[in-house]
Amino acid sequence: MLGGDWTDGTMTDFKWRHFQGDVILWAVRWYT
C-alpha cells in the first residue's frame, strides 16, 4: 500500500491530501 508506481499520480495526491487532512484534524482535537 506504501510506495508504488502502479497507482495513478492524481489519485495518490488526492489520497495523500485527504490523509493529511485527517491527521491535522486529529492533531487539533488532541493537542488543543
PDB file of N, CA and C in Angstrom:
ATOM      1  N   MET A   1       0.843  -1.201   0.000  1.00  0.00           N
ATOM      2  CA  MET A   1       0.000   0.000   0.000  1.00  0.00           C
ATOM      3  C   MET A   1       0.878   1.249   0.000  1.00  0.00           C
ATOM      4  N   LEU A   2       2.094   1.126   0.508  1.00  0.00           N
ATOM      5  CA  LEU A   2       3.010   2.266   0.527  1.00  0.00           C
ATOM      6  C   LEU A   2       3.936   2.213  -0.668  1.00  0.00           C
ATOM      7  N   GLY A   3       4.124   3.357  -1.318  1.00  0.00           N
ATOM      8  CA  GLY A   3       5.058   3.422  -2.445  1.00  0.00           C
ATOM      9  C   GLY A   3       4.681   2.495  -3.577  1.00  0.00           C
ATOM     10  N   GLY A   4       4.454   3.035  -4.759  1.00  0.00           N
ATOM     11  CA  GLY A   4       4.093   2.178  -5.887  1.00  0.00           C
ATOM     12  C   GLY A   4       3.825   3.008  -7.112  1.00  0.00           C
ATOM     13  N   ASP A   5       4.557   2.731  -8.188  1.00  0.00           N
ATOM     14  CA  ASP A   5       4.351   3.493  -9.418  1.00  0.00           C
ATOM     15  C   ASP A   5       3.145   2.976 -10.192  1.00  0.00           C
ATOM     16  N   TRP A   6       2.529   1.913  -9.679  1.00  0.00           N
ATOM     17  CA  TRP A   6       1.372   1.322 -10.365  1.00  0.00           C
ATOM     18  C   TRP A   6       0.127   2.187 -10.206  1.00  0.00           C
ATOM     19  N   THR A   7       0.094   3.002  -9.166  1.00  0.00           N
ATOM     20  CA  THR A   7      -1.097   3.809  -8.906  1.00  0.00           C
ATOM     21  C   THR A   7      -1.044   5.121  -9.664  1.00  0.00           C
ATOM     22  N   ASP A   8      -2.201   5.673  -9.946  1.00  0.00           N
ATOM     23  CA  ASP A   8      -2.269   6.935 -10.682  1.00  0.00           C
ATOM     24  C   ASP A   8      -1.780   8.079  -9.813  1.00  0.00           C
ATOM     25  N   GLY A   9      -0.973   8.953 -10.399  1.00  0.00           N
ATOM     26  CA  GLY A   9      -0.406  10.066  -9.639  1.00  0.00           C
ATOM     27  C   GLY A   9      -1.473  10.967  -9.051  1.00  0.00           C
ATOM     28  N   THR A  10      -2.515  11.242  -9.814  1.00  0.00           N
ATOM     29  CA  THR A  10      -3.571  12.134  -9.334  1.00  0.00           C
ATOM     30  C   THR A  10      -4.290  11.508  -8.147  1.00  0.00           C
ATOM     31  N   MET A  11      -4.581  10.233  -8.247  1.00  0.00           N
ATOM     32  CA  MET A  11      -5.295   9.550  -7.173  1.00  0.00           C
ATOM     33  C   MET A  11      -4.432   9.523  -5.919  1.00  0.00           C
ATOM     34  N   THR A  12      -3.132   9.308  -6.102  1.00  0.00           N
ATOM     35  CA  THR A  12      -2.221   9.284  -4.960  1.00  0.00           C
ATOM     36  C   THR A  12      -2.222  10.636  -4.262  1.00  0.00           C
ATOM     37  N   ASP A  13      -2.167  11.695  -5.052  1.00  0.00           N
ATOM     38  CA  ASP A  13      -2.157  13.040  -4.489  1.00  0.00           C
ATOM     39  C   ASP A  13      -3.450  13.292  -3.727  1.00  0.00           C
ATOM     40  N   PHE A  14      -4.571  12.857  -4.292  1.00  0.00           N
ATOM     41  CA  PHE A  14      -5.870  13.041  -3.638  1.00  0.00           C
ATOM     42  C   PHE A  14      -5.906  12.309  -2.300  1.00  0.00           C
ATOM     43  N   LYS A  15      -5.490  11.043  -2.309  1.00  0.00           N
ATOM     44  CA  LYS A  15      -5.490  10.256  -1.076  1.00  0.00           C
ATOM     45  C   LYS A  15      -4.556  10.876  -0.043  1.00  0.00           C
ATOM     46  N   TRP A  16      -3.375  11.340  -0.500  1.00  0.00           N
ATOM     47  CA  TRP A  16      -2.409  11.924   0.422  1.00  0.00           C
ATOM     48  C   TRP A  16      -2.970  13.175   1.066  1.00  0.00           C
ATOM     49  N   ARG A  17      -3.625  14.036   0.252  1.00  0.00           N
ATOM     50  CA  ARG A  17      -4.199  15.270   0.786  1.00  0.00           C
ATOM     51  C   ARG A  17      -5.286  14.938   1.802  1.00  0.00           C
ATOM     52  N   HIS A  18      -6.102  13.954   1.500  1.00  0.00           N
ATOM     53  CA  HIS A  18      -7.177  13.559   2.406  1.00  0.00           C
ATOM     54  C   HIS A  18      -6.578  13.021   3.707  1.00  0.00           C
ATOM     55  N   PHE A  19      -5.508  12.230   3.575  1.00  0.00           N
ATOM     56  CA  PHE A  19      -4.831  11.673   4.740  1.00  0.00           C
ATOM     57  C   PHE A  19      -4.277  12.787   5.617  1.00  0.00           C
ATOM     58  N   GLN A  20      -3.623  13.763   4.987  1.00  0.00           N
ATOM     59  CA  GLN A  20      -3.063  14.882   5.744  1.00  0.00           C
ATOM     60  C   GLN A  20      -4.175  15.622   6.478  1.00  0.00           C
ATOM     61  N   GLY A  21      -5.319  15.786   5.798  1.00  0.00           N
ATOM     62  CA  GLY A  21      -6.443  16.485   6.415  1.00  0.00           C
ATOM     63  C   GLY A  21      -6.900  15.769   7.679  1.00  0.00           C
ATOM     64  N   ASP A  22      -6.986  14.429   7.612  1.00  0.00           N
ATOM     65  CA  ASP A  22      -7.411  13.662   8.778  1.00  0.00           C
ATOM     66  C   ASP A  22      -6.408  13.803   9.910  1.00  0.00           C
ATOM     67  N   VAL A  23      -5.124  13.769   9.567  1.00  0.00           N
ATOM     68  CA  VAL A  23      -4.078  13.890  10.589  1.00  0.00           C
ATOM     69  C   VAL A  23      -4.149  15.253  11.266  1.00  0.00           C
ATOM     70  N   ILE A  24      -4.343  16.296  10.461  1.00  0.00           N
ATOM     71  CA  ILE A  24      -4.426  17.650  11.019  1.00  0.00           C
ATOM     72  C   ILE A  24      -5.616  17.761  11.966  1.00  0.00           C
ATOM     73  N   LEU A  25      -6.762  17.245  11.550  1.00  0.00           N
ATOM     74  CA  LEU A  25      -7.952  17.316  12.400  1.00  0.00           C
ATOM     75  C   LEU A  25      -7.722  16.549  13.697  1.00  0.00           C
ATOM     76  N   TRP A  26      -7.077  15.371  13.597  1.00  0.00           N
ATOM     77  CA  TRP A  26      -6.799  14.563  14.782  1.00  0.00           C
ATOM     78  C   TRP A  26      -5.871  15.312  15.726  1.00  0.00           C
ATOM     79  N   ALA A  27      -4.824  15.926  15.147  1.00  0.00           N
ATOM     80  CA  ALA A  27      -3.853  16.659  15.955  1.00  0.00           C
ATOM     81  C   ALA A  27      -4.526  17.830  16.659  1.00  0.00           C
ATOM     82  N   VAL A  28      -5.352  18.558  15.918  1.00  0.00           N
ATOM     83  CA  VAL A  28      -6.036  19.712  16.509  1.00  0.00           C
ATOM     84  C   VAL A  28      -6.926  19.259  17.656  1.00  0.00           C
ATOM     85  N   ARG A  29      -7.605  18.141  17.472  1.00  0.00           N
ATOM     86  CA  ARG A  29      -8.508  17.643  18.518  1.00  0.00           C
ATOM     87  C   ARG A  29      -7.750  17.293  19.792  1.00  0.00           C
ATOM     88  N   TRP A  30      -6.594  16.654  19.630  1.00  0.00           N
ATOM     89  CA  TRP A  30      -5.884  16.149  20.799  1.00  0.00           C
ATOM     90  C   TRP A  30      -4.864  17.110  21.410  1.00  0.00           C
ATOM     91  N   TYR A  31      -4.376  18.063  20.606  1.00  0.00           N
ATOM     92  CA  TYR A  31      -3.304  18.925  21.119  1.00  0.00           C
ATOM     93  C   TYR A  31      -3.736  20.351  21.402  1.00  0.00           C
ATOM     94  N   THR A  32      -5.058  20.582  21.406  1.00  0.00           N
ATOM     95  CA  THR A  32      -5.518  21.932  21.730  1.00  0.00           C
ATOM     96  C   THR A  32      -6.421  21.885  22.943  1.00  0.00           C
TER      97      THR A  32
END
